[in-house]
Amino acid sequence: MDPTAVFQRVCTDSRQVQLGDLFVALRGEHFNGNQYAEEALEKGAVAAVIDEPIEGLTSYLMVSDGCQALGQIGAVHRRKFDLPVIAIAGSNGKTSTKDMLASILRAQFETLHSDASF
């Protein structure tokens, strides 16, 4: 990987990679993001963060855990801003709660919320 590489976005879905992104390969119960690292680079990612060797891959950063690496990237980025953060957790109603809370807070404050549910 080019140590001077610069990226504007972090992407975990190879189908949504754009030119200049950093692709982070995540593992799930039914998928292994490492399998999509080459595709992400072909689509224009500057590098792929992977947790298993991939023969022939040209621009990558090897880590022990892709999810943990993504969390660390997020933590570094988050420290650049002095903003309050609200987290919503639980088994049921998270999306509805997120949407209602964003609507309420938007009336008084400049807000940012995810349209997607994770």
N, C-alpha and C. Protein backbone atom coordinates (compact mmCIF):
# COMPACT_ATOMS: atom_id res chain seq x y z
N MET A 1 0.85 -1.18 0.00
CA MET A 1 0.00 0.00 0.00
C MET A 1 0.89 1.24 0.00
N ASP A 2 0.51 2.21 -0.78
CA ASP A 2 1.23 3.48 -0.82
C ASP A 2 1.03 4.20 0.52
N PRO A 3 2.09 4.45 1.28
CA PRO A 3 1.93 5.09 2.59
C PRO A 3 1.42 6.53 2.51
N THR A 4 1.43 7.12 1.32
CA THR A 4 0.91 8.47 1.17
C THR A 4 -0.52 8.48 0.63
N ALA A 5 -1.12 7.31 0.50
CA ALA A 5 -2.49 7.21 -0.04
C ALA A 5 -3.46 8.00 0.83
N VAL A 6 -4.37 8.69 0.18
CA VAL A 6 -5.38 9.49 0.86
C VAL A 6 -6.75 8.99 0.42
N PHE A 7 -7.66 8.87 1.36
CA PHE A 7 -9.02 8.46 1.01
C PHE A 7 -10.02 9.44 1.60
N GLN A 8 -11.15 9.57 0.94
CA GLN A 8 -12.20 10.49 1.38
C GLN A 8 -13.33 9.80 2.12
N ARG A 9 -13.55 8.54 1.79
CA ARG A 9 -14.64 7.78 2.41
C ARG A 9 -14.14 6.40 2.80
N VAL A 10 -14.85 5.80 3.74
CA VAL A 10 -14.62 4.41 4.10
C VAL A 10 -15.85 3.63 3.67
N CYS A 11 -15.64 2.51 3.02
CA CYS A 11 -16.76 1.72 2.49
C CYS A 11 -16.58 0.26 2.88
N THR A 12 -17.66 -0.38 3.31
CA THR A 12 -17.61 -1.80 3.67
C THR A 12 -18.40 -2.66 2.69
N ASP A 13 -19.01 -2.05 1.71
CA ASP A 13 -19.81 -2.78 0.72
C ASP A 13 -19.18 -2.56 -0.65
N SER A 14 -18.58 -3.60 -1.20
CA SER A 14 -17.86 -3.46 -2.48
C SER A 14 -18.77 -2.99 -3.60
N ARG A 15 -20.06 -3.23 -3.47
CA ARG A 15 -21.00 -2.78 -4.52
C ARG A 15 -21.16 -1.27 -4.52
N GLN A 16 -20.79 -0.61 -3.44
CA GLN A 16 -20.95 0.84 -3.32
C GLN A 16 -19.63 1.60 -3.36
N VAL A 17 -18.54 0.91 -3.61
CA VAL A 17 -17.23 1.56 -3.64
C VAL A 17 -17.18 2.61 -4.75
N GLN A 18 -16.60 3.76 -4.41
CA GLN A 18 -16.39 4.83 -5.37
C GLN A 18 -14.89 5.12 -5.45
N LEU A 19 -14.50 5.80 -6.51
CA LEU A 19 -13.11 6.17 -6.71
C LEU A 19 -12.59 6.90 -5.48
N GLY A 20 -11.47 6.44 -4.95
CA GLY A 20 -10.84 7.11 -3.82
C GLY A 20 -11.24 6.60 -2.45
N ASP A 21 -12.13 5.60 -2.39
CA ASP A 21 -12.57 5.05 -1.10
C ASP A 21 -11.50 4.14 -0.50
N LEU A 22 -11.62 3.93 0.80
CA LEU A 22 -10.90 2.88 1.50
C LEU A 22 -11.90 1.77 1.76
N PHE A 23 -11.62 0.58 1.26
CA PHE A 23 -12.53 -0.56 1.46
C PHE A 23 -12.08 -1.34 2.68
N VAL A 24 -13.01 -1.58 3.61
CA VAL A 24 -12.72 -2.39 4.79
C VAL A 24 -13.51 -3.68 4.67
N ALA A 25 -12.79 -4.79 4.62
CA ALA A 25 -13.41 -6.11 4.50
C ALA A 25 -13.90 -6.57 5.88
N LEU A 26 -15.19 -6.81 5.98
CA LEU A 26 -15.78 -7.29 7.23
C LEU A 26 -16.23 -8.73 7.05
N ARG A 27 -16.30 -9.44 8.16
CA ARG A 27 -16.80 -10.82 8.15
C ARG A 27 -18.14 -10.86 8.84
N GLY A 28 -19.02 -11.68 8.31
CA GLY A 28 -20.31 -11.91 8.94
C GLY A 28 -20.59 -13.39 9.00
N GLU A 29 -21.75 -13.71 9.49
CA GLU A 29 -22.13 -15.11 9.61
C GLU A 29 -22.19 -15.80 8.25
N HIS A 30 -22.60 -15.03 7.22
CA HIS A 30 -22.81 -15.62 5.89
C HIS A 30 -21.95 -14.97 4.80
N PHE A 31 -20.96 -14.17 5.19
CA PHE A 31 -20.13 -13.52 4.16
C PHE A 31 -18.73 -13.28 4.70
N ASN A 32 -17.80 -13.10 3.78
CA ASN A 32 -16.42 -12.77 4.10
C ASN A 32 -16.01 -11.65 3.16
N GLY A 33 -15.94 -10.44 3.67
CA GLY A 33 -15.63 -9.28 2.85
C GLY A 33 -14.28 -9.34 2.16
N ASN A 34 -13.37 -10.18 2.67
CA ASN A 34 -12.07 -10.32 2.01
C ASN A 34 -12.24 -10.79 0.57
N GLN A 35 -13.30 -11.54 0.31
CA GLN A 35 -13.55 -12.06 -1.04
C GLN A 35 -13.85 -10.94 -2.04
N TYR A 36 -14.18 -9.75 -1.54
CA TYR A 36 -14.57 -8.64 -2.41
C TYR A 36 -13.50 -7.55 -2.50
N ALA A 37 -12.36 -7.77 -1.86
CA ALA A 37 -11.31 -6.75 -1.84
C ALA A 37 -10.80 -6.42 -3.24
N GLU A 38 -10.56 -7.44 -4.04
CA GLU A 38 -10.05 -7.19 -5.40
C GLU A 38 -11.07 -6.40 -6.22
N GLU A 39 -12.35 -6.76 -6.10
CA GLU A 39 -13.41 -6.03 -6.80
C GLU A 39 -13.43 -4.57 -6.37
N ALA A 40 -13.26 -4.32 -5.08
CA ALA A 40 -13.27 -2.94 -4.57
C ALA A 40 -12.12 -2.14 -5.17
N LEU A 41 -10.94 -2.75 -5.26
CA LEU A 41 -9.80 -2.05 -5.86
C LEU A 41 -10.04 -1.78 -7.34
N GLU A 42 -10.64 -2.74 -8.04
CA GLU A 42 -10.95 -2.55 -9.46
C GLU A 42 -11.93 -1.40 -9.66
N LYS A 43 -12.80 -1.17 -8.69
CA LYS A 43 -13.78 -0.09 -8.79
C LYS A 43 -13.21 1.26 -8.38
N GLY A 44 -11.95 1.28 -7.92
CA GLY A 44 -11.31 2.55 -7.62
C GLY A 44 -10.93 2.79 -6.18
N ALA A 45 -11.13 1.82 -5.30
CA ALA A 45 -10.68 1.99 -3.92
C ALA A 45 -9.16 2.18 -3.91
N VAL A 46 -8.66 3.07 -3.05
CA VAL A 46 -7.22 3.30 -2.99
C VAL A 46 -6.50 2.16 -2.28
N ALA A 47 -7.22 1.47 -1.40
CA ALA A 47 -6.64 0.34 -0.68
C ALA A 47 -7.76 -0.47 -0.04
N ALA A 48 -7.41 -1.68 0.37
CA ALA A 48 -8.35 -2.55 1.07
C ALA A 48 -7.76 -2.92 2.42
N VAL A 49 -8.57 -2.85 3.45
CA VAL A 49 -8.18 -3.33 4.77
C VAL A 49 -8.69 -4.76 4.86
N ILE A 50 -7.77 -5.71 4.99
CA ILE A 50 -8.14 -7.13 4.97
C ILE A 50 -7.57 -7.83 6.21
N ASP A 51 -8.13 -8.99 6.53
CA ASP A 51 -7.61 -9.74 7.68
C ASP A 51 -7.18 -11.16 7.32
N GLU A 52 -7.02 -11.40 6.03
CA GLU A 52 -6.44 -12.67 5.58
C GLU A 52 -5.67 -12.40 4.29
N PRO A 53 -4.57 -13.12 4.07
CA PRO A 53 -3.77 -12.89 2.86
C PRO A 53 -4.57 -13.16 1.59
N ILE A 54 -4.37 -12.30 0.60
CA ILE A 54 -5.01 -12.47 -0.70
C ILE A 54 -3.92 -12.36 -1.76
N GLU A 55 -3.63 -13.45 -2.41
CA GLU A 55 -2.57 -13.49 -3.40
C GLU A 55 -2.85 -12.53 -4.55
N GLY A 56 -1.85 -11.73 -4.89
CA GLY A 56 -1.96 -10.83 -6.02
C GLY A 56 -2.58 -9.48 -5.71
N LEU A 57 -3.10 -9.31 -4.50
CA LEU A 57 -3.71 -8.01 -4.14
C LEU A 57 -2.60 -6.98 -4.05
N THR A 58 -2.79 -5.82 -4.65
CA THR A 58 -1.71 -4.86 -4.78
C THR A 58 -1.69 -3.77 -3.72
N SER A 59 -2.81 -3.33 -3.24
CA SER A 59 -2.85 -2.21 -2.31
C SER A 59 -3.72 -2.57 -1.12
N TYR A 60 -3.08 -2.95 -0.03
CA TYR A 60 -3.85 -3.42 1.12
C TYR A 60 -3.13 -3.11 2.43
N LEU A 61 -3.88 -3.16 3.49
CA LEU A 61 -3.37 -3.05 4.85
C LEU A 61 -3.88 -4.28 5.59
N MET A 62 -2.97 -5.12 6.06
CA MET A 62 -3.34 -6.35 6.76
C MET A 62 -3.57 -6.04 8.24
N VAL A 63 -4.70 -6.46 8.76
CA VAL A 63 -5.05 -6.28 10.17
C VAL A 63 -5.49 -7.63 10.73
N SER A 64 -5.58 -7.72 12.04
CA SER A 64 -6.02 -8.98 12.65
C SER A 64 -7.54 -9.10 12.67
N ASP A 65 -8.25 -7.96 12.64
CA ASP A 65 -9.71 -7.98 12.71
C ASP A 65 -10.25 -6.75 11.98
N GLY A 66 -10.93 -6.97 10.87
CA GLY A 66 -11.45 -5.86 10.06
C GLY A 66 -12.46 -5.00 10.81
N CYS A 67 -13.32 -5.62 11.59
CA CYS A 67 -14.33 -4.88 12.34
C CYS A 67 -13.67 -3.98 13.39
N GLN A 68 -12.68 -4.51 14.06
CA GLN A 68 -11.96 -3.72 15.05
C GLN A 68 -11.22 -2.56 14.37
N ALA A 69 -10.63 -2.82 13.21
CA ALA A 69 -9.94 -1.76 12.47
C ALA A 69 -10.92 -0.67 12.06
N LEU A 70 -12.11 -1.06 11.61
CA LEU A 70 -13.13 -0.08 11.24
C LEU A 70 -13.50 0.78 12.44
N GLY A 71 -13.64 0.17 13.60
CA GLY A 71 -13.93 0.91 14.82
C GLY A 71 -12.83 1.90 15.17
N GLN A 72 -11.59 1.50 14.98
CA GLN A 72 -10.47 2.39 15.27
C GLN A 72 -10.42 3.55 14.28
N ILE A 73 -10.71 3.29 13.02
CA ILE A 73 -10.76 4.36 12.02
C ILE A 73 -11.85 5.36 12.42
N GLY A 74 -13.01 4.83 12.79
CA GLY A 74 -14.11 5.70 13.21
C GLY A 74 -13.77 6.51 14.44
N ALA A 75 -13.09 5.91 15.40
CA ALA A 75 -12.72 6.61 16.63
C ALA A 75 -11.75 7.76 16.34
N VAL A 76 -10.79 7.52 15.46
CA VAL A 76 -9.84 8.58 15.08
C VAL A 76 -10.59 9.72 14.41
N HIS A 77 -11.48 9.40 13.50
CA HIS A 77 -12.25 10.44 12.80
C HIS A 77 -13.15 11.19 13.78
N ARG A 78 -13.79 10.48 14.67
CA ARG A 78 -14.73 11.09 15.63
C ARG A 78 -14.02 12.10 16.53
N ARG A 79 -12.78 11.83 16.91
CA ARG A 79 -12.03 12.74 17.80
C ARG A 79 -11.74 14.09 17.15
N LYS A 80 -11.90 14.19 15.84
CA LYS A 80 -11.67 15.46 15.15
C LYS A 80 -12.78 16.47 15.40
N PHE A 81 -13.89 16.03 15.94
CA PHE A 81 -15.07 16.88 16.09
C PHE A 81 -15.53 16.89 17.54
N ASP A 82 -16.00 18.05 17.99
CA ASP A 82 -16.55 18.17 19.34
C ASP A 82 -18.07 18.23 19.22
N LEU A 83 -18.66 17.07 19.00
CA LEU A 83 -20.10 16.98 18.78
C LEU A 83 -20.71 15.95 19.72
N PRO A 84 -21.92 16.21 20.19
CA PRO A 84 -22.58 15.17 20.99
C PRO A 84 -23.01 14.01 20.10
N VAL A 85 -22.97 12.82 20.66
CA VAL A 85 -23.36 11.61 19.94
C VAL A 85 -24.41 10.89 20.77
N ILE A 86 -25.45 10.42 20.10
CA ILE A 86 -26.49 9.65 20.76
C ILE A 86 -26.49 8.26 20.14
N ALA A 87 -26.46 7.25 20.98
CA ALA A 87 -26.52 5.86 20.51
C ALA A 87 -27.81 5.24 21.01
N ILE A 88 -28.45 4.47 20.17
CA ILE A 88 -29.70 3.80 20.51
C ILE A 88 -29.47 2.30 20.39
N ALA A 89 -29.78 1.58 21.45
CA ALA A 89 -29.56 0.13 21.46
C ALA A 89 -30.81 -0.57 21.96
N GLY A 90 -30.89 -1.84 21.68
CA GLY A 90 -32.01 -2.64 22.17
C GLY A 90 -32.43 -3.66 21.14
N SER A 91 -33.44 -4.43 21.48
CA SER A 91 -33.91 -5.50 20.61
C SER A 91 -34.99 -5.04 19.63
N ASN A 92 -35.83 -4.11 20.05
CA ASN A 92 -36.96 -3.68 19.22
C ASN A 92 -37.08 -2.16 19.21
N GLY A 93 -37.52 -1.62 18.08
CA GLY A 93 -37.87 -0.20 18.01
C GLY A 93 -36.73 0.77 17.77
N LYS A 94 -35.55 0.29 17.45
CA LYS A 94 -34.41 1.19 17.28
C LYS A 94 -34.60 2.15 16.10
N THR A 95 -35.06 1.64 14.98
CA THR A 95 -35.21 2.49 13.79
C THR A 95 -36.27 3.56 14.03
N SER A 96 -37.40 3.19 14.58
CA SER A 96 -38.45 4.16 14.87
C SER A 96 -37.97 5.20 15.87
N THR A 97 -37.29 4.74 16.91
CA THR A 97 -36.76 5.66 17.93
C THR A 97 -35.76 6.62 17.31
N LYS A 98 -34.86 6.10 16.47
CA LYS A 98 -33.86 6.93 15.80
C LYS A 98 -34.53 8.00 14.96
N ASP A 99 -35.53 7.61 14.18
CA ASP A 99 -36.21 8.56 13.30
C ASP A 99 -36.98 9.61 14.09
N MET A 100 -37.67 9.20 15.15
CA MET A 100 -38.41 10.17 15.97
C MET A 100 -37.45 11.12 16.68
N LEU A 101 -36.38 10.60 17.24
CA LEU A 101 -35.42 11.44 17.95
C LEU A 101 -34.76 12.43 17.00
N ALA A 102 -34.40 11.99 15.81
CA ALA A 102 -33.80 12.89 14.82
C ALA A 102 -34.77 14.00 14.45
N SER A 103 -36.04 13.66 14.29
CA SER A 103 -37.06 14.66 13.95
C SER A 103 -37.22 15.69 15.07
N ILE A 104 -37.24 15.23 16.29
CA ILE A 104 -37.39 16.14 17.44
C ILE A 104 -36.17 17.05 17.56
N LEU A 105 -34.98 16.48 17.49
CA LEU A 105 -33.76 17.27 17.64
C LEU A 105 -33.55 18.23 16.49
N ARG A 106 -33.98 17.85 15.30
CA ARG A 106 -33.83 18.70 14.11
C ARG A 106 -34.55 20.04 14.28
N ALA A 107 -35.61 20.06 15.07
CA ALA A 107 -36.36 21.30 15.29
C ALA A 107 -35.54 22.33 16.07
N GLN A 108 -34.58 21.87 16.85
CA GLN A 108 -33.80 22.77 17.70
C GLN A 108 -32.32 22.84 17.33
N PHE A 109 -31.79 21.78 16.73
CA PHE A 109 -30.36 21.68 16.48
C PHE A 109 -30.07 21.23 15.05
N GLU A 110 -28.86 21.55 14.60
CA GLU A 110 -28.39 20.97 13.34
C GLU A 110 -28.06 19.51 13.63
N THR A 111 -28.65 18.61 12.87
CA THR A 111 -28.48 17.19 13.17
C THR A 111 -27.96 16.42 11.96
N LEU A 112 -27.40 15.27 12.26
CA LEU A 112 -26.97 14.32 11.25
C LEU A 112 -27.39 12.95 11.74
N HIS A 113 -28.10 12.22 10.90
CA HIS A 113 -28.49 10.85 11.27
C HIS A 113 -28.43 9.98 10.03
N SER A 114 -28.32 8.71 10.26
CA SER A 114 -28.26 7.75 9.16
C SER A 114 -29.67 7.45 8.67
N ASP A 115 -29.85 7.47 7.35
CA ASP A 115 -31.14 7.06 6.78
C ASP A 115 -31.26 5.54 6.81
N ALA A 116 -30.13 4.87 6.81
CA ALA A 116 -30.13 3.40 6.82
C ALA A 116 -30.23 2.88 8.24
N SER A 117 -30.60 1.64 8.34
CA SER A 117 -30.61 0.95 9.63
C SER A 117 -29.55 -0.13 9.59
N PHE A 118 -28.82 -0.25 10.67
CA PHE A 118 -27.72 -1.22 10.69
C PHE A 118 -27.98 -2.26 11.74
